């Protein structure tokens, strides 16, 4: 694909080739919004470094296992530090 989005689409295609299915452990709700608990459980099962959300208030402020809950700006800041 050409244009401004070409590189992003190629990277997305590569990511799809490396995907995996994770089965989370079912546990008690750990989120202020019980509907968000499934995202924490999946992140834990996948050993995800980040969950990116626009609604951090329903997630724990501290690390959840190895996972840190961040918004998009915080993730970009973190990526910039790693480059």
PDB file of N, CA and C in Angstrom:
ATOM      1  N   UNK A   1       0.847  -1.173   0.000  1.00  0.00           N
ATOM      2  CA  UNK A   1       0.000   0.000   0.000  1.00  0.00           C
ATOM      3  C   UNK A   1       0.891   1.234   0.000  1.00  0.00           C
ATOM      4  N   UNK A   2       0.566   2.197  -0.792  1.00  0.00           N
ATOM      5  CA  UNK A   2       1.349   3.424  -0.923  1.00  0.00           C
ATOM      6  C   UNK A   2       0.772   4.515  -0.035  1.00  0.00           C
ATOM      7  N   UNK A   3       1.513   5.613   0.102  1.00  0.00           N
ATOM      8  CA  UNK A   3       1.012   6.767   0.831  1.00  0.00           C
ATOM      9  C   UNK A   3       1.480   6.794   2.264  1.00  0.00           C
ATOM     10  N   UNK A   4       0.890   7.714   3.012  1.00  0.00           N
ATOM     11  CA  UNK A   4       1.305   7.944   4.391  1.00  0.00           C
ATOM     12  C   UNK A   4       1.079   6.735   5.287  1.00  0.00           C
ATOM     13  N   UNK A   5       0.131   5.889   4.939  1.00  0.00           N
ATOM     14  CA  UNK A   5      -0.201   4.765   5.808  1.00  0.00           C
ATOM     15  C   UNK A   5       0.463   3.464   5.375  1.00  0.00           C
ATOM     16  N   UNK A   6       1.206   3.477   4.310  1.00  0.00           N
ATOM     17  CA  UNK A   6       1.802   2.251   3.780  1.00  0.00           C
ATOM     18  C   UNK A   6       2.642   1.499   4.782  1.00  0.00           C
ATOM     19  N   UNK A   7       3.559   2.171   5.424  1.00  0.00           N
ATOM     20  CA  UNK A   7       4.451   1.513   6.383  1.00  0.00           C
ATOM     21  C   UNK A   7       3.670   0.925   7.552  1.00  0.00           C
ATOM     22  N   UNK A   8       2.705   1.691   8.071  1.00  0.00           N
ATOM     23  CA  UNK A   8       1.900   1.203   9.193  1.00  0.00           C
ATOM     24  C   UNK A   8       1.125  -0.047   8.846  1.00  0.00           C
ATOM     25  N   UNK A   9       0.568  -0.078   7.640  1.00  0.00           N
ATOM     26  CA  UNK A   9      -0.184  -1.264   7.221  1.00  0.00           C
ATOM     27  C   UNK A   9       0.732  -2.467   7.044  1.00  0.00           C
ATOM     28  N   UNK A  10       1.939  -2.252   6.551  1.00  0.00           N
ATOM     29  CA  UNK A  10       2.886  -3.372   6.418  1.00  0.00           C
ATOM     30  C   UNK A  10       3.250  -3.920   7.791  1.00  0.00           C
ATOM     31  N   UNK A  11       3.474  -3.030   8.749  1.00  0.00           N
ATOM     32  CA  UNK A  11       3.810  -3.484  10.100  1.00  0.00           C
ATOM     33  C   UNK A  11       2.647  -4.212  10.731  1.00  0.00           C
ATOM     34  N   UNK A  12       1.443  -3.740  10.510  1.00  0.00           N
ATOM     35  CA  UNK A  12       0.262  -4.423  11.033  1.00  0.00           C
ATOM     36  C   UNK A  12       0.164  -5.816  10.448  1.00  0.00           C
ATOM     37  N   UNK A  13       0.434  -5.952   9.172  1.00  0.00           N
ATOM     38  CA  UNK A  13       0.408  -7.265   8.526  1.00  0.00           C
ATOM     39  C   UNK A  13       1.404  -8.218   9.149  1.00  0.00           C
ATOM     40  N   UNK A  14       2.595  -7.721   9.467  1.00  0.00           N
ATOM     41  CA  UNK A  14       3.592  -8.562  10.126  1.00  0.00           C
ATOM     42  C   UNK A  14       3.135  -8.965  11.525  1.00  0.00           C
ATOM     43  N   UNK A  15       2.471  -8.053  12.222  1.00  0.00           N
ATOM     44  CA  UNK A  15       1.975  -8.360  13.560  1.00  0.00           C
ATOM     45  C   UNK A  15       0.937  -9.466  13.508  1.00  0.00           C
ATOM     46  N   UNK A  16       0.082  -9.422  12.521  1.00  0.00           N
ATOM     47  CA  UNK A  16      -0.940 -10.459  12.389  1.00  0.00           C
ATOM     48  C   UNK A  16      -0.320 -11.832  12.172  1.00  0.00           C
ATOM     49  N   UNK A  17       0.800 -11.877  11.495  1.00  0.00           N
ATOM     50  CA  UNK A  17       1.470 -13.149  11.251  1.00  0.00           C
ATOM     51  C   UNK A  17       2.037 -13.736  12.540  1.00  0.00           C
ATOM     52  N   UNK A  18       2.283 -12.903  13.554  1.00  0.00           N
ATOM     53  CA  UNK A  18       2.879 -13.361  14.819  1.00  0.00           C
ATOM     54  C   UNK A  18       1.865 -13.468  15.942  1.00  0.00           C
ATOM     55  N   UNK A  19       0.615 -13.384  15.659  1.00  0.00           N
ATOM     56  CA  UNK A  19      -0.383 -13.361  16.729  1.00  0.00           C
ATOM     57  C   UNK A  19      -0.491 -14.723  17.416  1.00  0.00           C
ATOM     58  N   UNK A  20      -1.041 -14.705  18.606  1.00  0.00           N
ATOM     59  CA  UNK A  20      -1.234 -15.914  19.396  1.00  0.00           C
ATOM     60  C   UNK A  20      -2.529 -15.777  20.173  1.00  0.00           C
ATOM     61  N   UNK A  21      -3.098 -16.893  20.541  1.00  0.00           N
ATOM     62  CA  UNK A  21      -4.329 -16.915  21.321  1.00  0.00           C
ATOM     63  C   UNK A  21      -3.972 -17.230  22.765  1.00  0.00           C
ATOM     64  N   UNK A  22      -4.450 -16.412  23.692  1.00  0.00           N
ATOM     65  CA  UNK A  22      -4.173 -16.617  25.107  1.00  0.00           C
ATOM     66  C   UNK A  22      -5.481 -16.849  25.844  1.00  0.00           C
ATOM     67  N   UNK A  23      -5.478 -17.780  26.754  1.00  0.00           N
ATOM     68  CA  UNK A  23      -6.647 -18.086  27.568  1.00  0.00           C
ATOM     69  C   UNK A  23      -6.416 -17.519  28.963  1.00  0.00           C
ATOM     70  N   UNK A  24      -7.142 -16.461  29.331  1.00  0.00           N
ATOM     71  CA  UNK A  24      -6.920 -15.863  30.654  1.00  0.00           C
ATOM     72  C   UNK A  24      -7.467 -16.746  31.770  1.00  0.00           C
ATOM     73  N   UNK A  25      -6.873 -16.600  32.943  1.00  0.00           N
ATOM     74  CA  UNK A  25      -7.416 -17.245  34.134  1.00  0.00           C
ATOM     75  C   UNK A  25      -8.613 -16.433  34.597  1.00  0.00           C
ATOM     76  N   UNK A  26      -9.648 -17.094  34.989  1.00  0.00           N
ATOM     77  CA  UNK A  26     -10.836 -16.403  35.489  1.00  0.00           C
ATOM     78  C   UNK A  26     -10.617 -16.138  36.970  1.00  0.00           C
ATOM     79  N   UNK A  27     -10.744 -14.887  37.355  1.00  0.00           N
ATOM     80  CA  UNK A  27     -10.554 -14.511  38.749  1.00  0.00           C
ATOM     81  C   UNK A  27     -11.586 -13.457  39.117  1.00  0.00           C
ATOM     82  N   UNK A  28     -11.577 -13.067  40.372  1.00  0.00           N
ATOM     83  CA  UNK A  28     -12.511 -12.034  40.830  1.00  0.00           C
ATOM     84  C   UNK A  28     -12.219 -10.722  40.117  1.00  0.00           C
ATOM     85  N   UNK A  29     -13.206  -9.873  40.054  1.00  0.00           N
ATOM     86  CA  UNK A  29     -13.046  -8.563  39.422  1.00  0.00           C
ATOM     87  C   UNK A  29     -11.963  -7.772  40.141  1.00  0.00           C
ATOM     88  N   UNK A  30     -11.049  -7.208  39.380  1.00  0.00           N
ATOM     89  CA  UNK A  30      -9.969  -6.404  39.949  1.00  0.00           C
ATOM     90  C   UNK A  30     -10.026  -4.977  39.425  1.00  0.00           C
ATOM     91  N   UNK A  31     -11.034  -4.673  38.663  1.00  0.00           N
ATOM     92  CA  UNK A  31     -11.201  -3.354  38.081  1.00  0.00           C
ATOM     93  C   UNK A  31     -12.383  -2.662  38.737  1.00  0.00           C
ATOM     94  N   UNK A  32     -12.344  -1.341  38.780  1.00  0.00           N
ATOM     95  CA  UNK A  32     -13.489  -0.586  39.305  1.00  0.00           C
ATOM     96  C   UNK A  32     -14.733  -0.849  38.460  1.00  0.00           C
ATOM     97  N   UNK A  33     -14.537  -1.141  37.193  1.00  0.00           N
ATOM     98  CA  UNK A  33     -15.621  -1.534  36.298  1.00  0.00           C
ATOM     99  C   UNK A  33     -15.414  -3.017  35.991  1.00  0.00           C
ATOM    100  N   UNK A  34     -16.219  -3.901  36.572  1.00  0.00           N
ATOM    101  CA  UNK A  34     -16.014  -5.340  36.372  1.00  0.00           C
ATOM    102  C   UNK A  34     -15.923  -5.762  34.907  1.00  0.00           C
ATOM    103  N   UNK A  35     -16.523  -5.003  33.995  1.00  0.00           N
ATOM    104  CA  UNK A  35     -16.446  -5.339  32.572  1.00  0.00           C
ATOM    105  C   UNK A  35     -15.022  -5.172  32.033  1.00  0.00           C
ATOM    106  N   UNK A  36     -14.180  -4.384  32.708  1.00  0.00           N
ATOM    107  CA  UNK A  36     -12.802  -4.180  32.271  1.00  0.00           C
ATOM    108  C   UNK A  36     -11.844  -5.243  32.800  1.00  0.00           C
ATOM    109  N   UNK A  37     -12.284  -6.059  33.740  1.00  0.00           N
ATOM    110  CA  UNK A  37     -11.424  -7.088  34.318  1.00  0.00           C
ATOM    111  C   UNK A  37     -10.898  -8.037  33.257  1.00  0.00           C
ATOM    112  N   UNK A  38     -11.711  -8.359  32.260  1.00  0.00           N
ATOM    113  CA  UNK A  38     -11.276  -9.302  31.217  1.00  0.00           C
ATOM    114  C   UNK A  38     -10.035  -8.801  30.483  1.00  0.00           C
ATOM    115  N   UNK A  39      -9.889  -7.487  30.345  1.00  0.00           N
ATOM    116  CA  UNK A  39      -8.709  -6.940  29.669  1.00  0.00           C
ATOM    117  C   UNK A  39      -7.455  -7.141  30.520  1.00  0.00           C
ATOM    118  N   UNK A  40      -7.589  -6.968  31.827  1.00  0.00           N
ATOM    119  CA  UNK A  40      -6.465  -7.220  32.726  1.00  0.00           C
ATOM    120  C   UNK A  40      -6.094  -8.700  32.719  1.00  0.00           C
ATOM    121  N   UNK A  41      -7.098  -9.575  32.724  1.00  0.00           N
ATOM    122  CA  UNK A  41      -6.842 -11.010  32.712  1.00  0.00           C
ATOM    123  C   UNK A  41      -6.138 -11.439  31.427  1.00  0.00           C
ATOM    124  N   UNK A  42      -6.574 -10.904  30.296  1.00  0.00           N
ATOM    125  CA  UNK A  42      -5.931 -11.229  29.016  1.00  0.00           C
ATOM    126  C   UNK A  42      -4.503 -10.697  28.975  1.00  0.00           C
ATOM    127  N   UNK A  43      -4.296  -9.495  29.468  1.00  0.00           N
ATOM    128  CA  UNK A  43      -2.951  -8.916  29.498  1.00  0.00           C
ATOM    129  C   UNK A  43      -2.025  -9.760  30.363  1.00  0.00           C
ATOM    130  N   UNK A  44      -2.535 -10.230  31.481  1.00  0.00           N
ATOM    131  CA  UNK A  44      -1.733 -11.074  32.361  1.00  0.00           C
ATOM    132  C   UNK A  44      -1.379 -12.390  31.667  1.00  0.00           C
ATOM    133  N   UNK A  45      -2.349 -13.023  31.022  1.00  0.00           N
ATOM    134  CA  UNK A  45      -2.101 -14.292  30.335  1.00  0.00           C
ATOM    135  C   UNK A  45      -1.091 -14.131  29.209  1.00  0.00           C
ATOM    136  N   UNK A  46      -1.137 -12.999  28.513  1.00  0.00           N
ATOM    137  CA  UNK A  46      -0.226 -12.739  27.391  1.00  0.00           C
ATOM    138  C   UNK A  46       1.095 -12.134  27.848  1.00  0.00           C
ATOM    139  N   UNK A  47       1.226 -11.865  29.139  1.00  0.00           N
ATOM    140  CA  UNK A  47       2.398 -11.187  29.700  1.00  0.00           C
ATOM    141  C   UNK A  47       2.644  -9.867  28.975  1.00  0.00           C
ATOM    142  N   UNK A  48       1.558  -9.132  28.752  1.00  0.00           N
ATOM    143  CA  UNK A  48       1.624  -7.853  28.057  1.00  0.00           C
ATOM    144  C   UNK A  48       2.332  -6.817  28.920  1.00  0.00           C
ATOM    145  N   UNK A  49       3.087  -5.970  28.278  1.00  0.00           N
ATOM    146  CA  UNK A  49       3.778  -4.894  28.979  1.00  0.00           C
ATOM    147  C   UNK A  49       2.818  -3.734  29.228  1.00  0.00           C
ATOM    148  N   UNK A  50       1.922  -3.474  28.261  1.00  0.00           N
ATOM    149  CA  UNK A  50       1.010  -2.341  28.365  1.00  0.00           C
ATOM    150  C   UNK A  50      -0.416  -2.719  27.983  1.00  0.00           C
ATOM    151  N   UNK A  51      -1.367  -2.048  28.618  1.00  0.00           N
ATOM    152  CA  UNK A  51      -2.736  -1.907  28.133  1.00  0.00           C
ATOM    153  C   UNK A  51      -2.873  -0.420  27.838  1.00  0.00           C
ATOM    154  N   UNK A  52      -3.314  -0.095  26.631  1.00  0.00           N
ATOM    155  CA  UNK A  52      -3.495   1.307  26.248  1.00  0.00           C
ATOM    156  C   UNK A  52      -4.986   1.596  26.229  1.00  0.00           C
ATOM    157  N   UNK A  53      -5.394   2.597  27.000  1.00  0.00           N
ATOM    158  CA  UNK A  53      -6.808   2.920  27.125  1.00  0.00           C
ATOM    159  C   UNK A  53      -7.001   4.430  27.269  1.00  0.00           C
ATOM    160  N   UNK A  54      -8.150   4.876  26.884  1.00  0.00           N
ATOM    161  CA  UNK A  54      -8.516   6.267  27.097  1.00  0.00           C
ATOM    162  C   UNK A  54      -9.258   6.459  28.401  1.00  0.00           C
ATOM    163  N   UNK A  55      -9.424   5.379  29.166  1.00  0.00           N
ATOM    164  CA  UNK A  55     -10.205   5.414  30.397  1.00  0.00           C
ATOM    165  C   UNK A  55      -9.448   4.692  31.511  1.00  0.00           C
ATOM    166  N   UNK A  56      -8.383   5.293  31.997  1.00  0.00           N
ATOM    167  CA  UNK A  56      -7.545   4.660  33.013  1.00  0.00           C
ATOM    168  C   UNK A  56      -8.203   4.555  34.385  1.00  0.00           C
ATOM    169  N   UNK A  57      -9.228   5.331  34.635  1.00  0.00           N
ATOM    170  CA  UNK A  57      -9.789   5.375  35.993  1.00  0.00           C
ATOM    171  C   UNK A  57     -10.395   4.047  36.443  1.00  0.00           C
ATOM    172  N   UNK A  58     -10.731   3.161  35.510  1.00  0.00           N
ATOM    173  CA  UNK A  58     -11.305   1.871  35.887  1.00  0.00           C
ATOM    174  C   UNK A  58     -10.256   0.786  36.076  1.00  0.00           C
ATOM    175  N   UNK A  59      -8.992   1.141  35.900  1.00  0.00           N
ATOM    176  CA  UNK A  59      -7.919   0.164  36.016  1.00  0.00           C
ATOM    177  C   UNK A  59      -7.047   0.490  37.217  1.00  0.00           C
ATOM    178  N   UNK A  60      -6.327  -0.504  37.753  1.00  0.00           N
ATOM    179  CA  UNK A  60      -5.438  -0.242  38.889  1.00  0.00           C
ATOM    180  C   UNK A  60      -4.355   0.764  38.520  1.00  0.00           C
ATOM    181  N   UNK A  61      -4.006   1.629  39.463  1.00  0.00           N
ATOM    182  CA  UNK A  61      -2.958   2.630  39.226  1.00  0.00           C
ATOM    183  C   UNK A  61      -1.577   1.982  39.221  1.00  0.00           C
ATOM    184  N   UNK A  62      -1.411   0.928  39.989  1.00  0.00           N
ATOM    185  CA  UNK A  62      -0.129   0.230  40.066  1.00  0.00           C
ATOM    186  C   UNK A  62      -0.038  -0.811  38.951  1.00  0.00           C
ATOM    187  N   UNK A  63       1.138  -1.397  38.806  1.00  0.00           N
ATOM    188  CA  UNK A  63       1.303  -2.492  37.853  1.00  0.00           C
ATOM    189  C   UNK A  63       0.330  -3.608  38.183  1.00  0.00           C
ATOM    190  N   UNK A  64      -0.170  -4.255  37.156  1.00  0.00           N
ATOM    191  CA  UNK A  64      -0.991  -5.459  37.332  1.00  0.00           C
ATOM    192  C   UNK A  64      -0.157  -6.605  36.796  1.00  0.00           C
ATOM    193  N   UNK A  65       0.538  -7.295  37.688  1.00  0.00           N
ATOM    194  CA  UNK A  65       1.522  -8.276  37.243  1.00  0.00           C
ATOM    195  C   UNK A  65       2.653  -7.520  36.568  1.00  0.00           C
ATOM    196  N   UNK A  66       2.889  -7.830  35.284  1.00  0.00           N
ATOM    197  CA  UNK A  66       3.915  -7.129  34.500  1.00  0.00           C
ATOM    198  C   UNK A  66       3.318  -6.003  33.671  1.00  0.00           C
ATOM    199  N   UNK A  67       2.021  -5.816  33.749  1.00  0.00           N
ATOM    200  CA  UNK A  67       1.322  -4.898  32.854  1.00  0.00           C
ATOM    201  C   UNK A  67       1.085  -3.536  33.482  1.00  0.00           C
ATOM    202  N   UNK A  68       1.412  -2.504  32.711  1.00  0.00           N
ATOM    203  CA  UNK A  68       1.168  -1.124  33.108  1.00  0.00           C
ATOM    204  C   UNK A  68       0.033  -0.588  32.247  1.00  0.00           C
ATOM    205  N   UNK A  69      -0.942   0.062  32.864  1.00  0.00           N
ATOM    206  CA  UNK A  69      -2.070   0.661  32.139  1.00  0.00           C
ATOM    207  C   UNK A  69      -1.708   2.111  31.833  1.00  0.00           C
ATOM    208  N   UNK A  70      -1.722   2.468  30.552  1.00  0.00           N
ATOM    209  CA  UNK A  70      -1.329   3.802  30.113  1.00  0.00           C
ATOM    210  C   UNK A  70      -2.338   4.340  29.101  1.00  0.00           C
ATOM    211  N   UNK A  71      -2.298   5.657  28.897  1.00  0.00           N
ATOM    212  CA  UNK A  71      -3.071   6.233  27.795  1.00  0.00           C
ATOM    213  C   UNK A  71      -2.127   6.365  26.599  1.00  0.00           C
ATOM    214  N   UNK A  72      -2.649   6.777  25.463  1.00  0.00           N
ATOM    215  CA  UNK A  72      -1.856   6.833  24.233  1.00  0.00           C
ATOM    216  C   UNK A  72      -0.655   7.768  24.374  1.00  0.00           C
ATOM    217  N   UNK A  73      -0.841   8.915  24.999  1.00  0.00           N
ATOM    218  CA  UNK A  73       0.258   9.862  25.180  1.00  0.00           C
ATOM    219  C   UNK A  73       1.377   9.283  26.022  1.00  0.00           C
ATOM    220  N   UNK A  74       1.017   8.587  27.083  1.00  0.00           N
ATOM    221  CA  UNK A  74       2.028   7.969  27.948  1.00  0.00           C
ATOM    222  C   UNK A  74       2.798   6.886  27.206  1.00  0.00           C
ATOM    223  N   UNK A  75       2.097   6.118  26.366  1.00  0.00           N
ATOM    224  CA  UNK A  75       2.782   5.091  25.586  1.00  0.00           C
ATOM    225  C   UNK A  75       3.767   5.723  24.613  1.00  0.00           C
ATOM    226  N   UNK A  76       3.347   6.772  23.939  1.00  0.00           N
ATOM    227  CA  UNK A  76       4.257   7.457  23.015  1.00  0.00           C
ATOM    228  C   UNK A  76       5.471   8.014  23.746  1.00  0.00           C
ATOM    229  N   UNK A  77       5.259   8.580  24.932  1.00  0.00           N
ATOM    230  CA  UNK A  77       6.388   9.067  25.737  1.00  0.00           C
ATOM    231  C   UNK A  77       7.346   7.927  26.061  1.00  0.00           C
ATOM    232  N   UNK A  78       6.821   6.791  26.435  1.00  0.00           N
ATOM    233  CA  UNK A  78       7.643   5.636  26.799  1.00  0.00           C
ATOM    234  C   UNK A  78       8.415   5.115  25.596  1.00  0.00           C
ATOM    235  N   UNK A  79       7.755   5.025  24.461  1.00  0.00           N
ATOM    236  CA  UNK A  79       8.421   4.559  23.241  1.00  0.00           C
ATOM    237  C   UNK A  79       9.531   5.515  22.849  1.00  0.00           C
ATOM    238  N   UNK A  80       9.281   6.797  22.970  1.00  0.00           N
ATOM    239  CA  UNK A  80      10.281   7.805  22.625  1.00  0.00           C
ATOM    240  C   UNK A  80      11.527   7.663  23.507  1.00  0.00           C
ATOM    241  N   UNK A  81      11.334   7.344  24.775  1.00  0.00           N
ATOM    242  CA  UNK A  81      12.473   7.160  25.682  1.00  0.00           C
ATOM    243  C   UNK A  81      13.303   5.948  25.298  1.00  0.00           C
ATOM    244  N   UNK A  82      12.662   4.934  24.704  1.00  0.00           N
ATOM    245  CA  UNK A  82      13.352   3.691  24.371  1.00  0.00           C
ATOM    246  C   UNK A  82      14.108   3.768  23.048  1.00  0.00           C
ATOM    247  N   UNK A  83      13.845   4.795  22.248  1.00  0.00           N
ATOM    248  CA  UNK A  83      14.487   4.895  20.935  1.00  0.00           C
ATOM    249  C   UNK A  83      15.880   5.481  21.082  1.00  0.00           C
TER     250      UNK A  83
END
